[in-house]
Amino acid sequence: MNVLILGSGGREHAFAWKIAQSKQLQNLYIAPGNAGTANCGTNVNISINDFEAIKNLVWEKDIDMVLVGPEDPLVKGIHDYFLQDEVLKDIPVIGPKKDGAQLEGSKDFSKQFMQKYRVPTAKYATFTKNEIESGYEFLQDLNPPYVLKADGLAAGKGVLILNNLEEAKNELKNMLVDAKFGEAGAKVVIEEFLHGIELSVFVLTDGKSYKILPAAKDYKRIGEGDTGLNTGGMGAVSPVPFADEAFIKKVEERVIKPTIEGLNKEGIDYRGFIFIGLMNCNGNPQVIEYNCRMGDPETEVVIPRIESDLLDLLQGVATQTLHMKTYSAIKEIAATVVLVSGGYPGEYEKGKEVTQLHEPKDSLVFHSGTKSDEDKVLTNGGRVFAITSFGNSIEEAVNKSFASADKIKYDGKYYRKDIGRDLMNL
């Protein structure tokens, strides 16, 4: 098979690394890719949202399957674009159509969906600019902290958690009236804050059957002890100690089954990954959000734990034969530590030369924001590498990743040194 992966981050490098091991693979292309994906296949310098250029590439390279990494092209309807094109309509796209991608593309849609199909989630209400006074009243009825979510995609920055009521009211005005997040904030979801420990559960589905992939916990804040600004993710651990068989069974019965059944009842043919962001509230799962793709950096701990041939599983998604595919995951613990550029998630510089990249021997080095310049590797993003290691304990796995992170050199390198620490005593 000839496969095209869309995206350029650590998630796409992890996909490329895994798919490159498949006996079913003939040629692998990544658009646009990074310096790491170039070691797994052929990078093609095309934007993930340039559907026409993607069509030409698929035609030219005789692509048999397209795996979409990020959410943006899914929400913009790349799957629909393929289905509506005479040349592309029979080429499977792994990732939902526009209707299914609303689970991530619209917070209001996803909350209504959860309510309709009795998926446990926080109490909420949605407001527009004309309803701002009602929004203020709803905030007054809640206990702090206050959670405000821009309805649409806001590049991971559209969720605010505020402890002060006046500050929450002010931010609601900034979002609805002053368009802080542009069109993404034309509607704002305000919801009750859930207390507990966060984790992510990943599901691969062909629209009828599904496989539950390993659970993971990621670390969003830039500073140790979960302080400072939110980021795209500073590290992740899989499995999660408290997400034992009994807890995952609750997730399956209360969340996964109603979600798949709900999609079917809505007439949504959903083929791809569903990322379920959960809060463990006293042993009971509550859904924080859905995403219509795999997470990053969670992919970098989930995919390496999968023993099965990923391309074979994706074939099952494409042909709706996923229930016939064998699936297994290794029991070893995986931990990833993300190396970022100095200044991230604020202003940061690109183009720093990376050295000693081949020094880590006990870890997988997934590139997140890099590019090749002749024989050099340069930084090309806020998050630069995700270093994944295995161990029989969280401590063993993260210590290997920290040791490997120390060996890689570039100007301004920073990473959190407390990844997984909160899970070690559970």
Protein backbone atom coordinates (compact mmCIF):
# COMPACT_ATOMS: atom_id res chain seq x y z
CA MET A 1 0.00 0.00 0.00
CA ASN A 2 0.99 3.59 -0.63
CA VAL A 3 0.04 5.74 2.37
CA LEU A 4 -0.10 9.51 2.88
CA ILE A 5 0.02 11.02 6.39
CA LEU A 6 -1.06 14.66 6.73
CA GLY A 7 0.68 16.72 9.43
CA SER A 8 4.07 17.81 10.70
CA GLY A 9 4.22 17.14 14.44
CA GLY A 10 5.26 14.48 16.92
CA ARG A 11 1.94 12.69 16.46
CA GLU A 12 2.60 12.31 12.72
CA HIS A 13 6.18 11.15 13.33
CA ALA A 14 4.85 8.47 15.72
CA PHE A 15 2.30 7.38 13.09
CA ALA A 16 5.00 7.32 10.39
CA TRP A 17 7.41 5.35 12.62
CA LYS A 18 4.75 2.72 13.33
CA ILE A 19 3.31 2.45 9.80
CA ALA A 20 6.82 2.15 8.35
CA GLN A 21 7.08 -1.19 10.20
CA SER A 22 4.07 -2.69 8.40
CA LYS A 23 4.63 -5.49 5.90
CA GLN A 24 1.66 -4.11 3.96
CA LEU A 25 3.42 -0.80 3.28
CA GLN A 26 5.00 -0.06 -0.07
CA ASN A 27 5.60 3.73 0.00
CA LEU A 28 4.98 6.26 2.77
CA TYR A 29 4.54 9.99 2.19
CA ILE A 30 4.16 12.70 4.84
CA ALA A 31 2.85 16.18 4.01
CA PRO A 32 4.49 18.40 5.05
CA GLY A 33 6.33 16.26 7.64
CA ASN A 34 9.49 17.22 9.55
CA ALA A 35 13.14 16.19 9.85
CA GLY A 36 12.12 13.04 11.77
CA THR A 37 9.40 11.81 9.42
CA ALA A 38 11.94 12.06 6.58
CA ASN A 39 13.62 8.98 8.14
CA CYS A 40 10.37 6.97 7.81
CA GLY A 41 9.19 7.98 4.34
CA THR A 42 9.20 10.86 1.86
CA ASN A 43 8.26 14.37 2.98
CA VAL A 44 6.22 16.47 0.54
CA ASN A 45 6.05 20.22 1.13
CA ILE A 46 2.28 20.68 0.92
CA SER A 47 -0.02 22.46 3.39
CA ILE A 48 -2.49 20.23 5.27
CA ASN A 49 -5.32 22.54 4.12
CA ASP A 50 -4.37 22.74 0.43
CA PHE A 51 -6.90 20.11 -0.67
CA GLU A 52 -6.21 20.57 -4.38
CA ALA A 53 -2.46 20.01 -3.94
CA ILE A 54 -3.24 16.95 -1.79
CA LYS A 55 -5.53 15.63 -4.54
CA ASN A 56 -2.74 16.01 -7.13
CA LEU A 57 -0.26 14.23 -4.85
CA VAL A 58 -2.69 11.35 -4.21
CA TRP A 59 -3.23 10.97 -7.95
CA GLU A 60 0.46 11.29 -8.84
CA LYS A 61 1.76 8.87 -6.18
CA ASP A 62 -1.10 6.36 -6.50
CA ILE A 63 -2.00 6.72 -2.81
CA ASP A 64 -4.20 3.96 -1.33
CA MET A 65 -5.00 5.57 2.03
CA VAL A 66 -4.80 9.00 3.69
CA LEU A 67 -4.32 9.28 7.47
CA VAL A 68 -5.18 12.77 8.76
CA GLY A 69 -3.19 13.77 11.85
CA PRO A 70 -4.47 17.23 12.93
CA GLU A 71 -8.03 18.41 13.46
CA ASP A 72 -8.02 21.44 11.16
CA PRO A 73 -8.37 19.67 7.78
CA LEU A 74 -11.00 17.34 9.27
CA VAL A 75 -13.13 20.22 10.57
CA LYS A 76 -12.67 21.93 7.18
CA GLY A 77 -14.01 18.80 5.45
CA ILE A 78 -11.11 17.00 3.76
CA HIS A 79 -12.94 13.65 4.04
CA ASP A 80 -16.03 15.17 2.37
CA TYR A 81 -13.78 16.67 -0.34
CA PHE A 82 -12.49 13.18 -1.19
CA LEU A 83 -15.98 11.63 -1.25
CA GLN A 84 -17.31 14.34 -3.57
CA ASP A 85 -14.45 13.98 -6.09
CA GLU A 86 -14.65 11.42 -8.90
CA VAL A 87 -10.89 10.78 -8.75
CA LEU A 88 -10.65 10.52 -4.94
CA LYS A 89 -13.98 9.05 -3.79
CA ASP A 90 -12.75 5.44 -3.44
CA ILE A 91 -9.56 6.34 -1.55
CA PRO A 92 -10.16 5.89 2.20
CA VAL A 93 -9.53 8.81 4.53
CA ILE A 94 -8.86 7.92 8.17
CA GLY A 95 -10.60 10.69 10.07
CA PRO A 96 -14.26 11.73 10.29
CA LYS A 97 -16.24 13.75 7.78
CA LYS A 98 -17.25 17.31 8.64
CA ASP A 99 -20.37 16.17 10.52
CA GLY A 100 -18.36 13.89 12.83
CA ALA A 101 -15.53 16.41 13.23
CA GLN A 102 -18.07 18.75 14.90
CA LEU A 103 -17.40 16.70 18.07
CA GLU A 104 -14.21 18.77 18.27
CA GLY A 105 -15.02 21.68 15.96
CA SER A 106 -17.99 22.88 18.04
CA LYS A 107 -17.98 22.69 21.85
CA ASP A 108 -21.71 23.49 21.81
CA PHE A 109 -22.46 20.60 19.42
CA SER A 110 -20.44 18.15 21.53
CA LYS A 111 -22.11 19.22 24.79
CA GLN A 112 -25.58 18.90 23.20
CA PHE A 113 -24.56 15.48 21.87
CA MET A 114 -23.42 14.32 25.33
CA GLN A 115 -26.62 15.57 26.91
CA LYS A 116 -28.79 13.90 24.26
CA TYR A 117 -27.08 10.52 24.57
CA ARG A 118 -26.59 10.67 28.35
CA VAL A 119 -22.81 10.76 28.29
CA PRO A 120 -21.72 11.99 31.76
CA THR A 121 -20.36 15.56 31.58
CA ALA A 122 -20.35 18.84 33.49
CA LYS A 123 -23.41 21.11 33.72
CA TYR A 124 -23.18 23.79 31.02
CA ALA A 125 -24.89 26.53 29.00
CA THR A 126 -23.99 28.25 25.71
CA PHE A 127 -24.17 31.99 25.07
CA THR A 128 -23.84 34.41 22.13
CA LYS A 129 -23.02 38.14 22.14
CA ASN A 130 -26.74 39.01 22.47
CA GLU A 131 -27.06 36.76 25.53
CA ILE A 132 -24.11 38.12 27.52
CA GLU A 133 -26.28 39.26 30.48
CA SER A 134 -27.65 35.71 30.78
CA GLY A 135 -24.05 34.48 30.68
CA TYR A 136 -23.17 36.73 33.63
CA GLU A 137 -26.15 35.33 35.56
CA PHE A 138 -25.14 31.73 34.79
CA LEU A 139 -21.62 32.43 36.07
CA GLN A 140 -23.07 33.78 39.34
CA ASP A 141 -24.90 30.48 39.88
CA LEU A 142 -21.66 28.46 39.63
CA ASN A 143 -18.95 27.90 42.20
CA PRO A 144 -15.38 28.84 41.20
CA PRO A 145 -13.29 28.00 39.28
CA TYR A 146 -15.20 29.06 36.16
CA VAL A 147 -14.65 27.29 32.83
CA LEU A 148 -15.13 29.27 29.60
CA LYS A 149 -14.72 27.53 26.22
CA ALA A 150 -14.75 29.15 22.78
CA ASP A 151 -17.18 27.12 20.67
CA GLY A 152 -14.86 26.71 17.66
CA LEU A 153 -11.20 25.81 17.13
CA ALA A 154 -8.86 28.36 18.72
CA ALA A 155 -5.48 26.66 18.25
CA GLY A 156 -5.66 25.04 21.70
CA LYS A 157 -6.02 28.43 23.45
CA GLY A 158 -9.83 28.66 23.60
CA VAL A 159 -10.37 27.21 27.10
CA LEU A 160 -10.05 29.51 30.11
CA ILE A 161 -10.21 28.42 33.76
CA LEU A 162 -10.64 31.38 36.12
CA ASN A 163 -10.94 31.58 39.90
CA ASN A 164 -12.43 35.09 40.14
CA LEU A 165 -16.04 35.86 39.17
CA GLU A 166 -15.35 39.39 37.92
CA GLU A 167 -12.41 38.14 35.87
CA ALA A 168 -14.65 35.42 34.39
CA LYS A 169 -17.28 38.02 33.44
CA ASN A 170 -14.59 40.21 31.90
CA GLU A 171 -13.19 37.31 29.85
CA LEU A 172 -16.70 36.38 28.69
CA LYS A 173 -17.04 39.95 27.35
CA ASN A 174 -13.57 39.71 25.74
CA MET A 175 -14.61 36.52 23.94
CA LEU A 176 -18.15 37.43 22.88
CA VAL A 177 -18.03 41.22 22.39
CA ASP A 178 -14.36 41.94 21.66
CA ALA A 179 -13.84 38.73 19.61
CA LYS A 180 -10.71 37.65 21.51
CA PHE A 181 -10.73 34.32 19.62
CA GLY A 182 -12.34 35.67 16.45
CA GLU A 183 -15.12 33.61 14.89
CA ALA A 184 -14.23 30.65 17.17
CA GLY A 185 -15.59 32.65 20.12
CA ALA A 186 -18.87 33.79 18.53
CA LYS A 187 -20.48 31.30 20.91
CA VAL A 188 -19.03 30.52 24.35
CA VAL A 189 -19.76 27.44 26.46
CA ILE A 190 -19.65 28.06 30.21
CA GLU A 191 -19.48 24.93 32.31
CA GLU A 192 -19.18 23.67 35.82
CA PHE A 193 -15.61 22.85 36.91
CA LEU A 194 -15.01 19.15 37.48
CA HIS A 195 -12.75 18.11 40.37
CA GLY A 196 -10.61 15.00 39.90
CA ILE A 197 -7.67 13.61 37.94
CA GLU A 198 -7.61 14.10 34.19
CA LEU A 199 -6.81 11.41 31.62
CA SER A 200 -7.44 10.63 27.96
CA VAL A 201 -8.95 7.49 26.48
CA PHE A 202 -8.52 6.82 22.75
CA VAL A 203 -10.86 4.84 20.53
CA LEU A 204 -10.34 3.68 16.96
CA THR A 205 -13.66 3.06 15.21
CA ASP A 206 -14.95 2.06 11.78
CA GLY A 207 -18.36 3.52 12.62
CA LYS A 208 -19.76 0.22 13.86
CA SER A 209 -17.13 -1.59 15.92
CA TYR A 210 -14.23 -0.11 17.88
CA LYS A 211 -10.94 -0.86 19.61
CA ILE A 212 -10.05 0.85 22.89
CA LEU A 213 -6.42 1.99 22.67
CA PRO A 214 -4.15 2.55 25.71
CA ALA A 215 -5.17 5.40 28.02
CA ALA A 216 -2.75 8.25 28.72
CA LYS A 217 -2.32 11.32 30.92
CA ASP A 218 -0.70 14.44 29.51
CA TYR A 219 0.74 17.56 31.13
CA LYS A 220 -0.46 20.86 29.65
CA ARG A 221 1.16 23.60 31.73
CA ILE A 222 4.61 24.96 30.89
CA GLY A 223 5.83 24.99 34.51
CA GLU A 224 6.59 22.20 36.94
CA GLY A 225 3.82 21.45 39.42
CA ASP A 226 1.31 22.29 36.65
CA THR A 227 1.97 26.04 36.83
CA GLY A 228 2.16 28.74 34.20
CA LEU A 229 0.60 28.99 30.76
CA ASN A 230 -1.15 26.22 28.88
CA THR A 231 0.79 24.55 26.07
CA GLY A 232 0.11 21.93 23.42
CA GLY A 233 1.46 19.38 25.93
CA MET A 234 4.74 18.97 27.83
CA GLY A 235 4.73 15.19 28.31
CA ALA A 236 2.56 12.12 28.74
CA VAL A 237 2.42 8.74 30.49
CA SER A 238 0.64 5.51 29.46
CA PRO A 239 -0.97 3.52 31.03
CA VAL A 240 -2.51 5.59 33.84
CA PRO A 241 -2.34 3.77 37.23
CA PHE A 242 -5.94 4.50 38.32
CA ALA A 243 -7.39 3.63 34.87
CA ASP A 244 -7.54 -0.06 35.71
CA GLU A 245 -9.76 -2.62 34.02
CA ALA A 246 -12.78 -1.70 36.19
CA PHE A 247 -12.47 2.02 35.44
CA ILE A 248 -12.02 1.47 31.67
CA LYS A 249 -15.10 -0.81 31.79
CA LYS A 250 -17.07 2.13 33.22
CA VAL A 251 -15.70 4.36 30.45
CA GLU A 252 -16.75 1.80 27.83
CA GLU A 253 -20.29 1.35 29.19
CA ARG A 254 -21.03 4.96 30.11
CA VAL A 255 -19.07 6.88 27.45
CA ILE A 256 -17.77 4.86 24.49
CA LYS A 257 -20.87 2.77 23.71
CA PRO A 258 -23.31 5.73 24.01
CA THR A 259 -20.97 7.83 21.84
CA ILE A 260 -20.75 5.25 19.02
CA GLU A 261 -24.49 4.53 19.24
CA GLY A 262 -25.25 8.27 19.27
CA LEU A 263 -23.15 8.88 16.15
CA ASN A 264 -25.06 6.10 14.38
CA LYS A 265 -28.43 7.51 15.48
CA GLU A 266 -27.38 10.92 14.16
CA GLY A 267 -26.55 9.31 10.80
CA ILE A 268 -22.85 10.15 11.19
CA ASP A 269 -20.54 7.60 9.54
CA TYR A 270 -17.51 8.15 11.77
CA ARG A 271 -14.27 6.42 10.72
CA GLY A 272 -11.15 7.30 12.63
CA PHE A 273 -9.94 8.15 16.11
CA ILE A 274 -12.03 9.56 18.94
CA PHE A 275 -10.03 11.21 21.71
CA ILE A 276 -12.09 11.34 24.91
CA GLY A 277 -10.79 13.79 27.50
CA LEU A 278 -12.02 12.56 30.89
CA MET A 279 -11.99 13.50 34.53
CA ASN A 280 -11.89 10.70 37.09
CA CYS A 281 -14.33 12.07 39.68
CA ASN A 282 -14.19 9.70 42.68
CA GLY A 283 -13.86 6.66 40.43
CA ASN A 284 -16.48 7.79 37.92
CA PRO A 285 -15.65 9.09 34.42
CA GLN A 286 -16.95 12.51 33.37
CA VAL A 287 -16.26 13.75 29.83
CA ILE A 288 -14.46 17.09 29.50
CA GLU A 289 -14.23 17.06 25.70
CA TYR A 290 -14.08 15.03 22.53
CA ASN A 291 -11.38 15.44 19.88
CA CYS A 292 -11.73 13.99 16.39
CA ARG A 293 -8.10 12.81 16.16
CA MET A 294 -5.29 11.48 18.33
CA GLY A 295 -3.68 13.81 20.88
CA ASP A 296 -0.14 15.15 20.85
CA PRO A 297 1.98 14.21 22.83
CA GLU A 298 -0.29 11.31 23.90
CA THR A 299 0.17 9.61 20.50
CA GLU A 300 3.88 9.35 21.28
CA VAL A 301 3.13 7.06 24.27
CA VAL A 302 0.01 5.30 22.95
CA ILE A 303 1.22 4.22 19.49
CA PRO A 304 4.56 2.72 20.68
CA ARG A 305 2.60 0.51 23.11
CA ILE A 306 0.48 -1.00 20.31
CA GLU A 307 1.85 -4.41 19.26
CA SER A 308 -0.53 -4.89 16.32
CA ASP A 309 0.12 -3.76 12.76
CA LEU A 310 -1.34 -0.22 12.76
CA LEU A 311 -1.80 -0.19 8.98
CA ASP A 312 -3.82 -3.41 9.21
CA LEU A 313 -6.05 -1.81 11.87
CA LEU A 314 -6.52 1.28 9.66
CA GLN A 315 -7.47 -1.02 6.79
CA GLY A 316 -10.15 -2.43 9.09
CA VAL A 317 -11.44 1.11 9.67
CA ALA A 318 -11.52 1.82 5.93
CA THR A 319 -13.40 -1.39 5.07
CA GLN A 320 -15.52 -1.55 8.26
CA THR A 321 -13.91 -4.87 9.22
CA LEU A 322 -12.21 -3.59 12.37
CA HIS A 323 -14.01 -6.22 14.47
CA MET A 324 -12.09 -8.90 12.53
CA LYS A 325 -8.66 -7.39 13.26
CA THR A 326 -6.47 -8.56 16.13
CA TYR A 327 -5.37 -5.89 18.55
CA SER A 328 -2.97 -6.00 21.50
CA ALA A 329 -0.82 -3.60 23.52
CA ILE A 330 2.33 -4.20 25.56
CA LYS A 331 2.12 -3.96 29.34
CA GLU A 332 5.31 -1.88 29.73
CA ILE A 333 4.88 1.75 30.74
CA ALA A 334 5.73 4.46 28.22
CA ALA A 335 6.60 8.04 29.19
CA THR A 336 7.33 10.94 26.87
CA VAL A 337 9.03 14.22 27.75
CA VAL A 338 8.59 17.18 25.39
CA LEU A 339 11.54 19.45 24.64
CA VAL A 340 10.46 22.98 23.72
CA SER A 341 12.00 26.19 22.40
CA GLY A 342 13.02 28.90 24.87
CA GLY A 343 10.11 31.29 25.46
CA TYR A 344 7.40 28.81 24.42
CA PRO A 345 4.36 29.06 24.63
CA GLY A 346 5.01 32.77 24.17
CA GLU A 347 7.48 34.29 21.70
CA TYR A 348 10.25 31.90 20.67
CA GLU A 349 12.93 31.71 18.00
CA LYS A 350 13.21 29.06 15.29
CA GLY A 351 16.23 27.89 13.32
CA LYS A 352 18.43 26.76 16.25
CA GLU A 353 20.81 23.96 15.25
CA VAL A 354 20.25 20.63 17.04
CA THR A 355 23.29 18.53 17.96
CA GLN A 356 23.87 15.14 19.61
CA LEU A 357 20.54 13.97 18.23
CA HIS A 358 21.78 10.40 17.87
CA GLU A 359 23.13 10.22 21.44
CA PRO A 360 19.95 8.84 23.10
CA LYS A 361 20.10 5.04 22.82
CA ASP A 362 17.36 3.97 25.26
CA SER A 363 14.57 6.17 23.87
CA LEU A 364 12.51 6.91 20.78
CA VAL A 365 13.07 10.48 19.60
CA PHE A 366 9.96 11.83 17.87
CA HIS A 367 10.39 15.16 16.08
CA SER A 368 7.64 17.70 16.76
CA GLY A 369 8.97 20.96 15.34
CA THR A 370 12.09 20.43 13.25
CA LYS A 371 13.26 20.88 9.67
CA SER A 372 16.25 19.66 7.67
CA ASP A 373 18.74 22.14 6.25
CA GLU A 374 21.22 20.18 4.13
CA ASP A 375 22.89 17.92 6.72
CA LYS A 376 21.66 19.88 9.76
CA VAL A 377 18.50 19.58 11.85
CA LEU A 378 17.05 22.94 12.95
CA THR A 379 14.28 23.80 15.41
CA ASN A 380 11.08 24.82 13.61
CA GLY A 381 8.38 25.11 16.26
CA GLY A 382 7.54 25.69 19.91
CA ARG A 383 7.56 21.99 20.72
CA VAL A 384 10.69 20.46 19.19
CA PHE A 385 10.98 16.81 20.30
CA ALA A 386 9.00 14.21 22.24
CA ILE A 387 11.35 11.70 23.91
CA THR A 388 9.61 8.38 24.65
CA SER A 389 11.02 5.59 26.81
CA PHE A 390 9.75 2.34 28.30
CA GLY A 391 10.03 0.95 31.81
CA ASN A 392 8.48 -1.43 34.31
CA SER A 393 7.52 1.62 36.40
CA ILE A 394 6.67 5.24 35.62
CA GLU A 395 9.84 6.29 37.43
CA GLU A 396 12.03 4.04 35.28
CA ALA A 397 10.39 5.21 32.03
CA VAL A 398 10.53 8.96 32.77
CA ASN A 399 14.11 8.78 34.10
CA LYS A 400 15.22 7.23 30.79
CA SER A 401 13.45 10.03 28.92
CA PHE A 402 15.04 12.70 31.15
CA ALA A 403 18.49 11.18 30.56
CA SER A 404 17.91 11.21 26.80
CA ALA A 405 16.52 14.76 26.93
CA ASP A 406 19.74 15.89 28.60
CA LYS A 407 21.85 14.53 25.74
CA ILE A 408 20.13 16.46 22.92
CA LYS A 409 21.49 20.00 22.57
CA TYR A 410 20.08 23.20 21.10
CA ASP A 411 20.00 26.82 22.23
CA GLY A 412 17.09 27.58 24.58
CA LYS A 413 16.08 23.95 25.26
CA TYR A 414 13.57 23.52 28.09
CA TYR A 415 11.54 20.60 29.44
CA ARG A 416 9.59 19.79 32.58
CA LYS A 417 11.41 17.54 35.03
CA ASP A 418 8.29 16.41 36.91
CA ILE A 419 6.41 14.45 34.23
CA GLY A 420 4.64 11.47 35.83
CA ARG A 421 5.61 12.43 39.37
CA ASP A 422 1.97 12.92 40.43
CA LEU A 423 1.17 9.36 39.31
CA MET A 424 4.03 7.59 41.07
CA ASN A 425 2.30 7.33 44.45
CA LEU A 426 -1.16 6.32 43.19
